[in-house]
C-alpha atoms as a PDB file:
ATOM      1  CA  MET A   1      -0.027   0.077  -0.063  1.00  0.00           C
ATOM      2  CA  GLU A   2       1.094   3.524  -0.659  1.00  0.00           C
ATOM      3  CA  GLN A   3       2.662   5.472   2.104  1.00  0.00           C
ATOM      4  CA  GLY A   4       2.736   2.431   4.245  1.00  0.00           C
ATOM      5  CA  ALA A   5       0.028   1.863   6.946  1.00  0.00           C
ATOM      6  CA  ALA A   6      -0.010   5.641   7.756  1.00  0.00           C
ATOM      7  CA  GLY A   7      -2.579   6.357   5.051  1.00  0.00           C
ATOM      8  CA  ILE A   8      -3.011   8.231   1.815  1.00  0.00           C
ATOM      9  CA  ARG A   9      -4.111  11.754   0.844  1.00  0.00           C
ATOM     10  CA  LEU A  10      -7.910  12.066   0.459  1.00  0.00           C
ATOM     11  CA  ASP A  11      -7.631  13.544  -3.081  1.00  0.00           C
ATOM     12  CA  ARG A  12      -5.240  10.768  -4.233  1.00  0.00           C
ATOM     13  CA  TRP A  13      -7.505   8.084  -2.895  1.00  0.00           C
ATOM     14  CA  LEU A  14     -10.547   9.606  -4.563  1.00  0.00           C
ATOM     15  CA  HIS A  15      -8.642   9.572  -7.806  1.00  0.00           C
ATOM     16  CA  HIS A  16      -7.442   6.036  -7.296  1.00  0.00           C
ATOM     17  CA  ALA A  17     -10.894   4.914  -6.666  1.00  0.00           C
ATOM     18  CA  ARG A  18     -12.005   6.479  -9.895  1.00  0.00           C
ATOM     19  CA  LEU A  19     -14.631   8.593  -8.251  1.00  0.00           C
ATOM     20  CA  PHE A  20     -12.996  11.606  -9.938  1.00  0.00           C
ATOM     21  CA  ARG A  21     -11.208  11.686 -13.285  1.00  0.00           C
ATOM     22  CA  THR A  22      -8.397  13.658 -12.166  1.00  0.00           C
ATOM     23  CA  ARG A  23      -6.676  14.376  -8.788  1.00  0.00           C
ATOM     24  CA  THR A  24      -7.230  18.109  -9.424  1.00  0.00           C
ATOM     25  CA  LEU A  25     -11.066  17.506  -9.752  1.00  0.00           C
ATOM     26  CA  ALA A  26     -10.975  15.439  -6.577  1.00  0.00           C
ATOM     27  CA  ALA A  27      -9.093  18.227  -4.615  1.00  0.00           C
ATOM     28  CA  GLY A  28     -11.548  20.792  -5.943  1.00  0.00           C
ATOM     29  CA  ALA A  29     -14.518  18.685  -4.644  1.00  0.00           C
ATOM     30  CA  VAL A  30     -12.881  18.503  -1.278  1.00  0.00           C
ATOM     31  CA  ASP A  31     -12.176  22.316  -1.323  1.00  0.00           C
ATOM     32  CA  ALA A  32     -15.947  22.898  -2.166  1.00  0.00           C
ATOM     33  CA  GLY A  33     -17.171  20.877   0.636  1.00  0.00           C
ATOM     34  CA  GLY A  34     -18.617  17.943  -1.249  1.00  0.00           C
ATOM     35  CA  ILE A  35     -16.590  15.373   0.740  1.00  0.00           C
ATOM     36  CA  ARG A  36     -17.123  14.196   4.294  1.00  0.00           C
ATOM     37  CA  MET A  37     -14.843  11.816   6.320  1.00  0.00           C
ATOM     38  CA  ASN A  38     -16.336   9.787   9.151  1.00  0.00           C
ATOM     39  CA  GLY A  39     -19.379  12.075   9.190  1.00  0.00           C
ATOM     40  CA  ASN A  40     -17.214  15.265   9.470  1.00  0.00           C
ATOM     41  CA  PRO A  41     -16.925  17.886   6.914  1.00  0.00           C
ATOM     42  CA  CYS A  42     -13.503  17.854   5.182  1.00  0.00           C
ATOM     43  CA  ARG A  43     -11.961  20.844   3.316  1.00  0.00           C
ATOM     44  CA  LYS A  44      -8.319  19.641   3.100  1.00  0.00           C
ATOM     45  CA  PRO A  45      -7.337  17.549   0.118  1.00  0.00           C
ATOM     46  CA  ALA A  46      -4.230  16.427   1.882  1.00  0.00           C
ATOM     47  CA  GLN A  47      -6.296  14.947   4.920  1.00  0.00           C
ATOM     48  CA  MET A  48      -4.945  11.456   5.601  1.00  0.00           C
ATOM     49  CA  LEU A  49      -7.307   8.589   4.916  1.00  0.00           C
ATOM     50  CA  ARG A  50      -6.876   5.171   6.501  1.00  0.00           C
ATOM     51  CA  GLY A  51      -8.440   1.692   6.011  1.00  0.00           C
ATOM     52  CA  GLY A  52     -11.884   1.578   7.679  1.00  0.00           C
ATOM     53  CA  ASP A  53     -12.589   5.267   7.238  1.00  0.00           C
ATOM     54  CA  VAL A  54     -16.070   6.171   5.880  1.00  0.00           C
ATOM     55  CA  VAL A  55     -16.195   8.779   2.992  1.00  0.00           C
ATOM     56  CA  THR A  56     -19.196  10.446   1.928  1.00  0.00           C
ATOM     57  CA  VAL A  57     -18.997  11.720  -1.708  1.00  0.00           C
ATOM     58  CA  SER A  58     -21.495  14.216  -3.121  1.00  0.00           C
ATOM     59  CA  ALA A  59     -20.631  14.496  -6.790  1.00  0.00           C
ATOM     60  CA  HIS A  60     -22.094  13.738 -10.251  1.00  0.00           C
ATOM     61  CA  GLY A  61     -25.688  14.267  -9.105  1.00  0.00           C
ATOM     62  CA  GLN A  62     -25.538  11.602  -6.315  1.00  0.00           C
ATOM     63  CA  VAL A  63     -24.433  10.986  -2.820  1.00  0.00           C
ATOM     64  CA  ARG A  64     -22.370   7.870  -2.131  1.00  0.00           C
ATOM     65  CA  VAL A  65     -21.259   6.512   1.394  1.00  0.00           C
ATOM     66  CA  LEU A  66     -18.055   4.345   1.055  1.00  0.00           C
ATOM     67  CA  ARG A  67     -16.091   2.407   3.485  1.00  0.00           C
ATOM     68  CA  VAL A  68     -12.264   2.387   2.670  1.00  0.00           C
ATOM     69  CA  LEU A  69     -11.122  -1.205   2.230  1.00  0.00           C
ATOM     70  CA  GLY A  70      -7.777  -0.476   0.529  1.00  0.00           C
ATOM     71  CA  LEU A  71      -5.551   2.538  -0.197  1.00  0.00           C
ATOM     72  CA  GLY A  72      -4.423   1.666  -3.799  1.00  0.00           C
ATOM     73  CA  GLU A  73      -1.021   2.203  -5.242  1.00  0.00           C
ATOM     74  CA  ARG A  74      -2.072   3.671  -8.467  1.00  0.00           C
ATOM     75  CA  ARG A  75      -5.132   4.578 -10.566  1.00  0.00           C
ATOM     76  CA  GLY A  76      -5.824   1.204 -12.267  1.00  0.00           C
ATOM     77  CA  PRO A  77      -8.703  -0.165 -14.055  1.00  0.00           C
ATOM     78  CA  ALA A  78     -12.202  -0.039 -12.757  1.00  0.00           C
ATOM     79  CA  SER A  79     -12.082  -3.609 -11.598  1.00  0.00           C
ATOM     80  CA  GLU A  80      -9.080  -2.658  -9.416  1.00  0.00           C
ATOM     81  CA  ALA A  81     -10.725   0.485  -8.225  1.00  0.00           C
ATOM     82  CA  VAL A  82     -13.881  -1.152  -6.775  1.00  0.00           C
ATOM     83  CA  ALA A  83     -11.897  -3.249  -4.543  1.00  0.00           C
ATOM     84  CA  LEU A  84     -10.687  -0.123  -2.635  1.00  0.00           C
ATOM     85  CA  TYR A  85     -14.114   0.492  -1.084  1.00  0.00           C
ATOM     86  CA  GLU A  86     -17.620  -0.879  -0.284  1.00  0.00           C
ATOM     87  CA  GLU A  87     -20.864   0.928  -0.426  1.00  0.00           C
ATOM     88  CA  VAL A  88     -22.468   1.554   2.873  1.00  0.00           C
ATOM     89  CA  GLU A  89     -26.251   1.576   3.104  1.00  0.00           C
ATOM     90  CA  MET A  90     -27.651   4.930   4.418  1.00  0.00           C
END
């Protein structure tokens, strides 16, 4: 896993999980207030994300609640990206 067990930047994980096409778009969504971590508003793209964290993403006309299962080492194919999270029922 990238950056060891410590975690990964939120914007980087959002990009690896293919929730945003670019890391810049992911950082913009965080800056705009469209992302929550563990129920708390998050405005820092560099916020560290760890396995087990719950990320709420409001983007592309929908709200998704995701539990982080993996941090990812790169932005891979969609089949690799879906293994990084699981949908949480609201």
